[in-house]
Each structure stands twice: as C-alpha cells, then as structure tokens.
Amino acid sequence: MTTTDPAAVQRAETRPGILKSFDNVNWLATVQLTGSLQQWVTKLPVARNIAAAEMTAGRKVAVLLFDPANHTDAVVVAVWV
C-alpha cells in the first residue's frame, strides 16, 4: 500500500483573466491574469470546444492552472462577457 504526502500533492487552480490576443491557426491565446498588471501568459492553449468567434480581445476568460507555480502549464477553458 502506498501513501501520498499531502504536502507533495499539487492542486489545480482556476484563475480569471482578460484575453489579449488569440491565434486561431495554432489555437493559442495571450492572457493577462486578473490582479496582475504585468503577468501575461503567452502561447496558452485554448480548449477546442470554444468557438474562435468567441475569442475576441478584451473578453474575460477562465484559465485552469494545473501547476499554480508554473503558469505555462495551463489552458483556457471558458470565455464570457
């Protein structure tokens, strides 16, 4: 039987952001995470179930961070407003 150290387990986290740009050829986005004027995440994969027409600059997005310490390990999962 194996046990997992709870301190070693990383939890995914969802953060809101503002879409700055969208590359509809490679399906990648540039997002400014809410609460940070200088933290922009580039080349962020976008869930394929989101229509390209919905990905316009200035819209709010939800970003799922698989590793909150590594913002490049993430995906855009929703868009609204």
PDB file of N, CA and C in Angstrom:
ATOM      1  N   MET A   1       0.844  -1.176   0.000  1.00  0.00           N
ATOM      2  CA  MET A   1       0.000   0.000   0.000  1.00  0.00           C
ATOM      3  C   MET A   1       0.896   1.250   0.000  1.00  0.00           C
ATOM      4  N   THR A   2       0.592   2.190  -0.867  1.00  0.00           N
ATOM      5  CA  THR A   2       1.372   3.417  -0.919  1.00  0.00           C
ATOM      6  C   THR A   2       0.540   4.565  -0.372  1.00  0.00           C
ATOM      7  N   THR A   3       1.217   5.522   0.215  1.00  0.00           N
ATOM      8  CA  THR A   3       0.543   6.714   0.709  1.00  0.00           C
ATOM      9  C   THR A   3       1.147   7.915   0.015  1.00  0.00           C
ATOM     10  N   THR A   4       0.365   8.931  -0.132  1.00  0.00           N
ATOM     11  CA  THR A   4       0.820  10.153  -0.773  1.00  0.00           C
ATOM     12  C   THR A   4       0.927  11.237   0.282  1.00  0.00           C
ATOM     13  N   ASP A   5       2.057  11.898   0.303  1.00  0.00           N
ATOM     14  CA  ASP A   5       2.254  13.010   1.223  1.00  0.00           C
ATOM     15  C   ASP A   5       1.378  14.172   0.769  1.00  0.00           C
ATOM     16  N   PRO A   6       0.405  14.609   1.598  1.00  0.00           N
ATOM     17  CA  PRO A   6      -0.490  15.702   1.183  1.00  0.00           C
ATOM     18  C   PRO A   6       0.254  16.981   0.831  1.00  0.00           C
ATOM     19  N   ALA A   7       1.395  17.209   1.425  1.00  0.00           N
ATOM     20  CA  ALA A   7       2.163  18.417   1.118  1.00  0.00           C
ATOM     21  C   ALA A   7       2.767  18.355  -0.273  1.00  0.00           C
ATOM     22  N   ALA A   8       2.956  17.151  -0.806  1.00  0.00           N
ATOM     23  CA  ALA A   8       3.567  16.988  -2.115  1.00  0.00           C
ATOM     24  C   ALA A   8       2.557  17.030  -3.254  1.00  0.00           C
ATOM     25  N   VAL A   9       1.278  16.955  -2.941  1.00  0.00           N
ATOM     26  CA  VAL A   9       0.234  16.949  -3.960  1.00  0.00           C
ATOM     27  C   VAL A   9      -0.053  18.379  -4.398  1.00  0.00           C
ATOM     28  N   GLN A  10       0.008  18.615  -5.713  1.00  0.00           N
ATOM     29  CA  GLN A  10      -0.320  19.935  -6.232  1.00  0.00           C
ATOM     30  C   GLN A  10      -1.768  19.938  -6.679  1.00  0.00           C
ATOM     31  N   ARG A  11      -2.452  21.003  -6.390  1.00  0.00           N
ATOM     32  CA  ARG A  11      -3.847  21.131  -6.755  1.00  0.00           C
ATOM     33  C   ARG A  11      -3.980  22.119  -7.913  1.00  0.00           C
ATOM     34  N   ALA A  12      -4.821  21.755  -8.858  1.00  0.00           N
ATOM     35  CA  ALA A  12      -5.106  22.668  -9.968  1.00  0.00           C
ATOM     36  C   ALA A  12      -5.906  23.852  -9.425  1.00  0.00           C
ATOM     37  N   GLU A  13      -5.806  24.960 -10.113  1.00  0.00           N
ATOM     38  CA  GLU A  13      -6.482  26.177  -9.672  1.00  0.00           C
ATOM     39  C   GLU A  13      -7.029  26.902 -10.893  1.00  0.00           C
ATOM     40  N   THR A  14      -8.196  27.489 -10.767  1.00  0.00           N
ATOM     41  CA  THR A  14      -8.801  28.257 -11.850  1.00  0.00           C
ATOM     42  C   THR A  14      -8.658  29.734 -11.541  1.00  0.00           C
ATOM     43  N   ARG A  15      -8.142  30.502 -12.519  1.00  0.00           N
ATOM     44  CA  ARG A  15      -7.949  31.935 -12.339  1.00  0.00           C
ATOM     45  C   ARG A  15      -8.641  32.688 -13.470  1.00  0.00           C
ATOM     46  N   PRO A  16      -9.242  33.831 -13.162  1.00  0.00           N
ATOM     47  CA  PRO A  16      -9.822  34.653 -14.222  1.00  0.00           C
ATOM     48  C   PRO A  16      -8.740  35.474 -14.912  1.00  0.00           C
ATOM     49  N   GLY A  17      -9.027  35.851 -16.137  1.00  0.00           N
ATOM     50  CA  GLY A  17      -8.086  36.673 -16.885  1.00  0.00           C
ATOM     51  C   GLY A  17      -8.796  37.453 -17.974  1.00  0.00           C
ATOM     52  N   ILE A  18      -8.030  38.281 -18.648  1.00  0.00           N
ATOM     53  CA  ILE A  18      -8.525  39.076 -19.772  1.00  0.00           C
ATOM     54  C   ILE A  18      -7.769  38.627 -21.017  1.00  0.00           C
ATOM     55  N   LEU A  19      -8.518  38.274 -22.052  1.00  0.00           N
ATOM     56  CA  LEU A  19      -7.913  37.837 -23.302  1.00  0.00           C
ATOM     57  C   LEU A  19      -7.283  39.037 -24.004  1.00  0.00           C
ATOM     58  N   LYS A  20      -5.999  38.928 -24.319  1.00  0.00           N
ATOM     59  CA  LYS A  20      -5.290  39.991 -25.016  1.00  0.00           C
ATOM     60  C   LYS A  20      -5.168  39.706 -26.502  1.00  0.00           C
ATOM     61  N   SER A  21      -4.975  38.438 -26.864  1.00  0.00           N
ATOM     62  CA  SER A  21      -4.927  38.071 -28.277  1.00  0.00           C
ATOM     63  C   SER A  21      -5.194  36.583 -28.425  1.00  0.00           C
ATOM     64  N   PHE A  22      -5.568  36.195 -29.656  1.00  0.00           N
ATOM     65  CA  PHE A  22      -5.876  34.795 -29.946  1.00  0.00           C
ATOM     66  C   PHE A  22      -5.337  34.439 -31.317  1.00  0.00           C
ATOM     67  N   ASP A  23      -4.603  33.348 -31.383  1.00  0.00           N
ATOM     68  CA  ASP A  23      -4.067  32.815 -32.632  1.00  0.00           C
ATOM     69  C   ASP A  23      -4.966  31.660 -33.048  1.00  0.00           C
ATOM     70  N   ASN A  24      -5.860  31.903 -34.038  1.00  0.00           N
ATOM     71  CA  ASN A  24      -6.828  30.871 -34.420  1.00  0.00           C
ATOM     72  C   ASN A  24      -6.239  29.806 -35.343  1.00  0.00           C
ATOM     73  N   VAL A  25      -4.982  29.949 -35.746  1.00  0.00           N
ATOM     74  CA  VAL A  25      -4.322  28.911 -36.533  1.00  0.00           C
ATOM     75  C   VAL A  25      -3.778  27.827 -35.597  1.00  0.00           C
ATOM     76  N   ASN A  26      -3.089  28.261 -34.549  1.00  0.00           N
ATOM     77  CA  ASN A  26      -2.484  27.322 -33.597  1.00  0.00           C
ATOM     78  C   ASN A  26      -3.318  27.128 -32.333  1.00  0.00           C
ATOM     79  N   TRP A  27      -4.410  27.865 -32.209  1.00  0.00           N
ATOM     80  CA  TRP A  27      -5.345  27.781 -31.084  1.00  0.00           C
ATOM     81  C   TRP A  27      -4.646  28.101 -29.760  1.00  0.00           C
ATOM     82  N   LEU A  28      -3.929  29.248 -29.775  1.00  0.00           N
ATOM     83  CA  LEU A  28      -3.193  29.707 -28.606  1.00  0.00           C
ATOM     84  C   LEU A  28      -3.622  31.123 -28.256  1.00  0.00           C
ATOM     85  N   ALA A  29      -3.572  31.449 -26.967  1.00  0.00           N
ATOM     86  CA  ALA A  29      -4.010  32.767 -26.506  1.00  0.00           C
ATOM     87  C   ALA A  29      -2.926  33.437 -25.678  1.00  0.00           C
ATOM     88  N   THR A  30      -3.019  34.762 -25.613  1.00  0.00           N
ATOM     89  CA  THR A  30      -2.247  35.557 -24.665  1.00  0.00           C
ATOM     90  C   THR A  30      -3.255  36.125 -23.686  1.00  0.00           C
ATOM     91  N   VAL A  31      -3.025  35.884 -22.401  1.00  0.00           N
ATOM     92  CA  VAL A  31      -3.983  36.263 -21.360  1.00  0.00           C
ATOM     93  C   VAL A  31      -3.272  37.035 -20.261  1.00  0.00           C
ATOM     94  N   GLN A  32      -3.921  38.108 -19.800  1.00  0.00           N
ATOM     95  CA  GLN A  32      -3.447  38.831 -18.624  1.00  0.00           C
ATOM     96  C   GLN A  32      -4.248  38.306 -17.445  1.00  0.00           C
ATOM     97  N   LEU A  33      -3.575  37.664 -16.508  1.00  0.00           N
ATOM     98  CA  LEU A  33      -4.279  37.129 -15.348  1.00  0.00           C
ATOM     99  C   LEU A  33      -4.799  38.270 -14.492  1.00  0.00           C
ATOM    100  N   THR A  34      -6.039  38.170 -14.042  1.00  0.00           N
ATOM    101  CA  THR A  34      -6.673  39.213 -13.242  1.00  0.00           C
ATOM    102  C   THR A  34      -5.895  39.412 -11.947  1.00  0.00           C
ATOM    103  N   GLY A  35      -5.717  40.673 -11.586  1.00  0.00           N
ATOM    104  CA  GLY A  35      -4.991  41.003 -10.370  1.00  0.00           C
ATOM    105  C   GLY A  35      -3.515  41.254 -10.605  1.00  0.00           C
ATOM    106  N   SER A  36      -3.080  41.128 -11.841  1.00  0.00           N
ATOM    107  CA  SER A  36      -1.671  41.349 -12.160  1.00  0.00           C
ATOM    108  C   SER A  36      -1.570  42.221 -13.405  1.00  0.00           C
ATOM    109  N   LEU A  37      -0.996  43.393 -13.254  1.00  0.00           N
ATOM    110  CA  LEU A  37      -0.838  44.287 -14.396  1.00  0.00           C
ATOM    111  C   LEU A  37       0.276  43.825 -15.317  1.00  0.00           C
ATOM    112  N   GLN A  38       1.246  43.091 -14.770  1.00  0.00           N
ATOM    113  CA  GLN A  38       2.410  42.726 -15.555  1.00  0.00           C
ATOM    114  C   GLN A  38       2.480  41.245 -15.913  1.00  0.00           C
ATOM    115  N   GLN A  39       1.618  40.430 -15.354  1.00  0.00           N
ATOM    116  CA  GLN A  39       1.709  38.997 -15.617  1.00  0.00           C
ATOM    117  C   GLN A  39       0.815  38.601 -16.781  1.00  0.00           C
ATOM    118  N   TRP A  40       1.443  38.415 -17.931  1.00  0.00           N
ATOM    119  CA  TRP A  40       0.752  37.948 -19.121  1.00  0.00           C
ATOM    120  C   TRP A  40       1.268  36.560 -19.433  1.00  0.00           C
ATOM    121  N   VAL A  41       0.366  35.666 -19.754  1.00  0.00           N
ATOM    122  CA  VAL A  41       0.744  34.314 -20.135  1.00  0.00           C
ATOM    123  C   VAL A  41       0.573  34.218 -21.644  1.00  0.00           C
ATOM    124  N   THR A  42       1.641  33.845 -22.340  1.00  0.00           N
ATOM    125  CA  THR A  42       1.609  33.748 -23.796  1.00  0.00           C
ATOM    126  C   THR A  42       1.603  32.286 -24.227  1.00  0.00           C
ATOM    127  N   LYS A  43       1.159  32.062 -25.454  1.00  0.00           N
ATOM    128  CA  LYS A  43       1.117  30.715 -26.046  1.00  0.00           C
ATOM    129  C   LYS A  43       0.355  29.738 -25.159  1.00  0.00           C
ATOM    130  N   LEU A  44      -0.756  30.203 -24.615  1.00  0.00           N
ATOM    131  CA  LEU A  44      -1.597  29.402 -23.727  1.00  0.00           C
ATOM    132  C   LEU A  44      -2.597  28.610 -24.568  1.00  0.00           C
ATOM    133  N   PRO A  45      -2.607  27.289 -24.474  1.00  0.00           N
ATOM    134  CA  PRO A  45      -3.571  26.508 -25.252  1.00  0.00           C
ATOM    135  C   PRO A  45      -5.012  26.874 -24.889  1.00  0.00           C
ATOM    136  N   VAL A  46      -5.891  26.777 -25.873  1.00  0.00           N
ATOM    137  CA  VAL A  46      -7.315  27.087 -25.687  1.00  0.00           C
ATOM    138  C   VAL A  46      -8.110  25.813 -25.944  1.00  0.00           C
ATOM    139  N   ALA A  47      -9.085  25.534 -25.075  1.00  0.00           N
ATOM    140  CA  ALA A  47      -9.940  24.360 -25.253  1.00  0.00           C
ATOM    141  C   ALA A  47     -10.614  24.436 -26.620  1.00  0.00           C
ATOM    142  N   ARG A  48     -10.606  23.342 -27.345  1.00  0.00           N
ATOM    143  CA  ARG A  48     -11.132  23.317 -28.710  1.00  0.00           C
ATOM    144  C   ARG A  48     -12.649  23.447 -28.787  1.00  0.00           C
ATOM    145  N   ASN A  49     -13.335  23.319 -27.670  1.00  0.00           N
ATOM    146  CA  ASN A  49     -14.789  23.467 -27.688  1.00  0.00           C
ATOM    147  C   ASN A  49     -15.215  24.934 -27.653  1.00  0.00           C
ATOM    148  N   ILE A  50     -14.273  25.854 -27.543  1.00  0.00           N
ATOM    149  CA  ILE A  50     -14.579  27.290 -27.563  1.00  0.00           C
ATOM    150  C   ILE A  50     -14.488  27.765 -29.009  1.00  0.00           C
ATOM    151  N   ALA A  51     -15.551  28.360 -29.502  1.00  0.00           N
ATOM    152  CA  ALA A  51     -15.576  28.851 -30.884  1.00  0.00           C
ATOM    153  C   ALA A  51     -14.588  29.998 -31.063  1.00  0.00           C
ATOM    154  N   ALA A  52     -13.880  29.988 -32.187  1.00  0.00           N
ATOM    155  CA  ALA A  52     -12.902  31.039 -32.476  1.00  0.00           C
ATOM    156  C   ALA A  52     -13.553  32.423 -32.459  1.00  0.00           C
ATOM    157  N   ALA A  53     -14.796  32.516 -32.884  1.00  0.00           N
ATOM    158  CA  ALA A  53     -15.506  33.801 -32.912  1.00  0.00           C
ATOM    159  C   ALA A  53     -15.708  34.380 -31.512  1.00  0.00           C
ATOM    160  N   GLU A  54     -15.664  33.535 -30.492  1.00  0.00           N
ATOM    161  CA  GLU A  54     -15.836  33.983 -29.110  1.00  0.00           C
ATOM    162  C   GLU A  54     -14.549  34.556 -28.518  1.00  0.00           C
ATOM    163  N   MET A  55     -13.434  34.281 -29.161  1.00  0.00           N
ATOM    164  CA  MET A  55     -12.124  34.654 -28.628  1.00  0.00           C
ATOM    165  C   MET A  55     -11.687  36.024 -29.141  1.00  0.00           C
ATOM    166  N   THR A  56     -12.356  37.069 -28.671  1.00  0.00           N
ATOM    167  CA  THR A  56     -12.012  38.431 -29.067  1.00  0.00           C
ATOM    168  C   THR A  56     -11.332  39.146 -27.898  1.00  0.00           C
ATOM    169  N   ALA A  57     -10.359  39.970 -28.238  1.00  0.00           N
ATOM    170  CA  ALA A  57      -9.584  40.686 -27.223  1.00  0.00           C
ATOM    171  C   ALA A  57     -10.502  41.476 -26.289  1.00  0.00           C
ATOM    172  N   GLY A  58     -10.176  41.437 -25.011  1.00  0.00           N
ATOM    173  CA  GLY A  58     -10.934  42.166 -24.006  1.00  0.00           C
ATOM    174  C   GLY A  58     -11.951  41.316 -23.262  1.00  0.00           C
ATOM    175  N   ARG A  59     -12.243  40.128 -23.780  1.00  0.00           N
ATOM    176  CA  ARG A  59     -13.214  39.257 -23.105  1.00  0.00           C
ATOM    177  C   ARG A  59     -12.586  38.606 -21.892  1.00  0.00           C
ATOM    178  N   LYS A  60     -13.436  38.271 -20.928  1.00  0.00           N
ATOM    179  CA  LYS A  60     -12.979  37.566 -19.735  1.00  0.00           C
ATOM    180  C   LYS A  60     -12.849  36.084 -20.057  1.00  0.00           C
ATOM    181  N   VAL A  61     -11.809  35.463 -19.488  1.00  0.00           N
ATOM    182  CA  VAL A  61     -11.580  34.040 -19.693  1.00  0.00           C
ATOM    183  C   VAL A  61     -11.277  33.372 -18.357  1.00  0.00           C
ATOM    184  N   ALA A  62     -11.519  32.067 -18.317  1.00  0.00           N
ATOM    185  CA  ALA A  62     -11.135  31.257 -17.168  1.00  0.00           C
ATOM    186  C   ALA A  62      -9.940  30.421 -17.579  1.00  0.00           C
ATOM    187  N   VAL A  63      -8.895  30.470 -16.767  1.00  0.00           N
ATOM    188  CA  VAL A  63      -7.662  29.749 -17.043  1.00  0.00           C
ATOM    189  C   VAL A  63      -7.488  28.673 -15.975  1.00  0.00           C
ATOM    190  N   LEU A  64      -7.352  27.439 -16.405  1.00  0.00           N
ATOM    191  CA  LEU A  64      -7.108  26.328 -15.492  1.00  0.00           C
ATOM    192  C   LEU A  64      -5.598  26.115 -15.411  1.00  0.00           C
ATOM    193  N   LEU A  65      -5.046  26.355 -14.219  1.00  0.00           N
ATOM    194  CA  LEU A  65      -3.614  26.179 -13.977  1.00  0.00           C
ATOM    195  C   LEU A  65      -3.418  24.807 -13.330  1.00  0.00           C
ATOM    196  N   PHE A  66      -2.754  23.917 -14.033  1.00  0.00           N
ATOM    197  CA  PHE A  66      -2.501  22.586 -13.485  1.00  0.00           C
ATOM    198  C   PHE A  66      -1.451  22.648 -12.396  1.00  0.00           C
ATOM    199  N   ASP A  67      -0.500  23.581 -12.537  1.00  0.00           N
ATOM    200  CA  ASP A  67       0.539  23.814 -11.536  1.00  0.00           C
ATOM    201  C   ASP A  67       0.597  25.314 -11.293  1.00  0.00           C
ATOM    202  N   PRO A  68      -0.014  25.810 -10.204  1.00  0.00           N
ATOM    203  CA  PRO A  68      -0.049  27.255  -9.958  1.00  0.00           C
ATOM    204  C   PRO A  68       1.322  27.920  -9.909  1.00  0.00           C
ATOM    205  N   ALA A  69       2.375  27.151  -9.674  1.00  0.00           N
ATOM    206  CA  ALA A  69       3.721  27.713  -9.656  1.00  0.00           C
ATOM    207  C   ALA A  69       4.297  27.853 -11.062  1.00  0.00           C
ATOM    208  N   ASN A  70       3.643  27.235 -12.056  1.00  0.00           N
ATOM    209  CA  ASN A  70       4.127  27.259 -13.436  1.00  0.00           C
ATOM    210  C   ASN A  70       2.966  27.671 -14.338  1.00  0.00           C
ATOM    211  N   HIS A  71       2.861  28.957 -14.632  1.00  0.00           N
ATOM    212  CA  HIS A  71       1.723  29.469 -15.395  1.00  0.00           C
ATOM    213  C   HIS A  71       1.725  29.048 -16.854  1.00  0.00           C
ATOM    214  N   THR A  72       2.779  28.420 -17.313  1.00  0.00           N
ATOM    215  CA  THR A  72       2.774  27.917 -18.681  1.00  0.00           C
ATOM    216  C   THR A  72       2.120  26.542 -18.769  1.00  0.00           C
ATOM    217  N   ASP A  73       1.845  25.924 -17.637  1.00  0.00           N
ATOM    218  CA  ASP A  73       1.179  24.618 -17.582  1.00  0.00           C
ATOM    219  C   ASP A  73      -0.303  24.870 -17.313  1.00  0.00           C
ATOM    220  N   ALA A  74      -1.005  25.385 -18.337  1.00  0.00           N
ATOM    221  CA  ALA A  74      -2.377  25.839 -18.148  1.00  0.00           C
ATOM    222  C   ALA A  74      -3.144  25.768 -19.471  1.00  0.00           C
ATOM    223  N   VAL A  75      -4.466  26.008 -19.397  1.00  0.00           N
ATOM    224  CA  VAL A  75      -5.318  26.016 -20.581  1.00  0.00           C
ATOM    225  C   VAL A  75      -6.491  26.967 -20.334  1.00  0.00           C
ATOM    226  N   VAL A  76      -6.927  27.660 -21.393  1.00  0.00           N
ATOM    227  CA  VAL A  76      -8.135  28.492 -21.323  1.00  0.00           C
ATOM    228  C   VAL A  76      -9.320  27.553 -21.475  1.00  0.00           C
ATOM    229  N   VAL A  77     -10.231  27.566 -20.499  1.00  0.00           N
ATOM    230  CA  VAL A  77     -11.353  26.627 -20.509  1.00  0.00           C
ATOM    231  C   VAL A  77     -12.712  27.287 -20.719  1.00  0.00           C
ATOM    232  N   ALA A  78     -12.799  28.601 -20.590  1.00  0.00           N
ATOM    233  CA  ALA A  78     -14.092  29.279 -20.759  1.00  0.00           C
ATOM    234  C   ALA A  78     -13.869  30.739 -21.137  1.00  0.00           C
ATOM    235  N   VAL A  79     -14.883  31.313 -21.758  1.00  0.00           N
ATOM    236  CA  VAL A  79     -14.862  32.735 -22.128  1.00  0.00           C
ATOM    237  C   VAL A  79     -16.245  33.312 -21.874  1.00  0.00           C
ATOM    238  N   TRP A  80     -16.314  34.558 -21.404  1.00  0.00           N
ATOM    239  CA  TRP A  80     -17.607  35.199 -21.178  1.00  0.00           C
ATOM    240  C   TRP A  80     -17.456  36.712 -21.253  1.00  0.00           C
ATOM    241  N   VAL A  81     -18.549  37.399 -21.261  1.00  0.00           N
ATOM    242  CA  VAL A  81     -18.709  38.858 -21.337  1.00  0.00           C
ATOM    243  C   VAL A  81     -18.050  39.407 -22.538  1.00  0.00           C
TER     244      VAL A  81
END
